[in-house]
Amino acid sequence: MATDAQQACFEAGIKFGSLYHQFAGTPVSPSSTRSLEAAMAEAIENQPFCASVDVTIHDDRVRDAIDHENGYTELTGSLMDVEMRIEYEGTAVETRMTMRDGYPLMELVSVAD
């Protein structure tokens, strides 16, 4: 049987997998970053045990990635940072996704009972 902390960490992984794979490839431009951030956060916050989600899509990275003549690019992990808080049975898990060595690394920041 998993401990509450282990279950909370598992839940965080589920949320990250859902966020990343649901939204990767979404067309994005500097004019749509705020609405996409809000949509992503609100969608993931619907899931059980998700206390908060903060998505930051970096306009400068989006502008630099635009390679379509129509002025947009596809959302990838390199264009955003994400922070999440999961609360499960009294355990709070803080997580984040940031670029590290060219890779969008998802990691546990803290686990507290």
Protein backbone atom coordinates (compact mmCIF):
# COMPACT_ATOMS: atom_id res chain seq x y z
CA MET A 1 0.00 0.00 0.00
CA ALA A 2 1.33 3.44 -0.92
CA THR A 3 1.90 6.09 1.74
CA ASP A 4 0.02 9.38 1.49
CA ALA A 5 3.23 11.10 0.38
CA GLN A 6 3.82 8.49 -2.34
CA GLN A 7 0.24 8.82 -3.54
CA ALA A 8 0.53 12.62 -3.61
CA CYS A 9 3.70 12.34 -5.72
CA PHE A 10 1.96 9.91 -8.05
CA GLU A 11 -0.92 12.36 -8.44
CA ALA A 12 1.56 15.10 -9.33
CA GLY A 13 3.02 12.90 -12.07
CA ILE A 14 -0.43 12.21 -13.47
CA LYS A 15 -1.18 15.94 -13.59
CA PHE A 16 2.10 16.73 -15.37
CA GLY A 17 1.58 13.95 -17.90
CA SER A 18 -1.92 15.18 -18.60
CA LEU A 19 -0.87 18.81 -18.93
CA TYR A 20 2.08 18.15 -21.18
CA HIS A 21 0.56 15.61 -23.50
CA GLN A 22 -2.83 17.28 -23.74
CA PHE A 23 -1.44 20.66 -24.76
CA ALA A 24 1.86 19.94 -26.56
CA GLY A 25 1.43 20.85 -30.20
CA THR A 26 -1.27 23.46 -29.57
CA PRO A 27 -0.84 26.44 -31.91
CA VAL A 28 0.37 29.46 -29.91
CA SER A 29 1.34 33.03 -30.70
CA PRO A 30 2.28 35.97 -28.48
CA SER A 31 -1.32 37.17 -28.69
CA SER A 32 -2.73 33.88 -27.37
CA THR A 33 -0.30 33.00 -24.57
CA ARG A 34 -2.38 34.39 -21.66
CA SER A 35 -5.57 32.62 -22.71
CA LEU A 36 -3.71 29.35 -23.27
CA GLU A 37 -2.04 29.64 -19.86
CA ALA A 38 -5.45 30.08 -18.23
CA ALA A 39 -7.01 27.21 -20.18
CA MET A 40 -4.19 24.85 -19.25
CA ALA A 41 -4.30 25.75 -15.56
CA GLU A 42 -8.09 25.53 -15.35
CA ALA A 43 -8.18 22.17 -17.14
CA ILE A 44 -5.61 20.57 -14.83
CA GLU A 45 -7.14 22.13 -11.69
CA ASN A 46 -10.31 20.15 -12.46
CA GLN A 47 -8.48 16.94 -11.58
CA PRO A 48 -8.74 15.45 -8.08
CA PHE A 49 -6.24 16.63 -5.45
CA CYS A 50 -4.94 19.51 -7.60
CA ALA A 51 -4.84 22.59 -5.38
CA SER A 52 -3.23 25.03 -7.82
CA VAL A 53 -1.53 25.27 -11.20
CA ASP A 54 0.50 28.19 -12.52
CA VAL A 55 1.46 28.08 -16.21
CA THR A 56 3.79 30.69 -17.67
CA ILE A 57 4.25 30.70 -21.45
CA HIS A 58 7.15 32.99 -22.28
CA ASP A 59 6.26 35.46 -25.02
CA ASP A 60 9.90 35.95 -26.01
CA ARG A 61 10.43 32.21 -26.43
CA VAL A 62 7.22 31.97 -28.47
CA ARG A 63 8.32 34.83 -30.74
CA ASP A 64 11.73 33.20 -31.22
CA ALA A 65 10.13 29.85 -32.10
CA ILE A 66 7.69 31.18 -34.71
CA ASP A 67 8.55 29.57 -38.01
CA HIS A 68 5.18 29.65 -39.76
CA GLU A 69 4.32 32.51 -42.05
CA ASN A 70 0.99 32.78 -40.22
CA GLY A 71 2.71 33.98 -37.03
CA TYR A 72 2.39 31.04 -34.68
CA THR A 73 4.32 28.03 -33.45
CA GLU A 74 3.44 24.80 -31.65
CA LEU A 75 3.54 24.71 -27.87
CA THR A 76 6.44 22.70 -26.45
CA GLY A 77 7.96 22.38 -23.00
CA SER A 78 10.73 24.77 -24.01
CA LEU A 79 8.22 27.63 -24.21
CA MET A 80 6.76 27.37 -20.71
CA ASP A 81 7.30 26.94 -17.00
CA VAL A 82 4.72 25.24 -14.78
CA GLU A 83 4.25 25.04 -11.02
CA MET A 84 1.68 22.80 -9.33
CA ARG A 85 0.53 22.10 -5.81
CA ILE A 86 -1.08 18.75 -5.06
CA GLU A 87 -2.82 18.09 -1.74
CA TYR A 88 -3.63 14.50 -0.77
CA GLU A 89 -4.81 13.40 2.70
CA GLY A 90 -2.82 16.11 4.50
CA THR A 91 0.28 15.84 2.32
CA ALA A 92 1.19 18.81 0.11
CA VAL A 93 3.45 18.33 -2.89
CA GLU A 94 5.03 21.28 -4.71
CA THR A 95 6.27 20.59 -8.24
CA ARG A 96 7.64 22.49 -11.22
CA MET A 97 8.63 22.11 -14.83
CA THR A 98 11.47 24.27 -16.10
CA MET A 99 14.05 23.99 -18.82
CA ARG A 100 17.24 22.30 -17.70
CA ASP A 101 20.04 21.57 -20.16
CA GLY A 102 17.62 21.92 -23.09
CA TYR A 103 15.01 19.59 -21.59
CA PRO A 104 11.66 20.45 -19.91
CA LEU A 105 12.38 18.81 -16.55
CA MET A 106 9.43 17.99 -14.29
CA GLU A 107 10.48 17.67 -10.68
CA LEU A 108 9.35 17.55 -7.07
CA VAL A 109 10.24 20.69 -5.16
CA SER A 110 8.93 19.61 -1.75
CA VAL A 111 6.76 17.05 -0.02
CA ALA A 112 5.31 18.04 3.34
CA ASP A 113 2.95 16.24 5.74
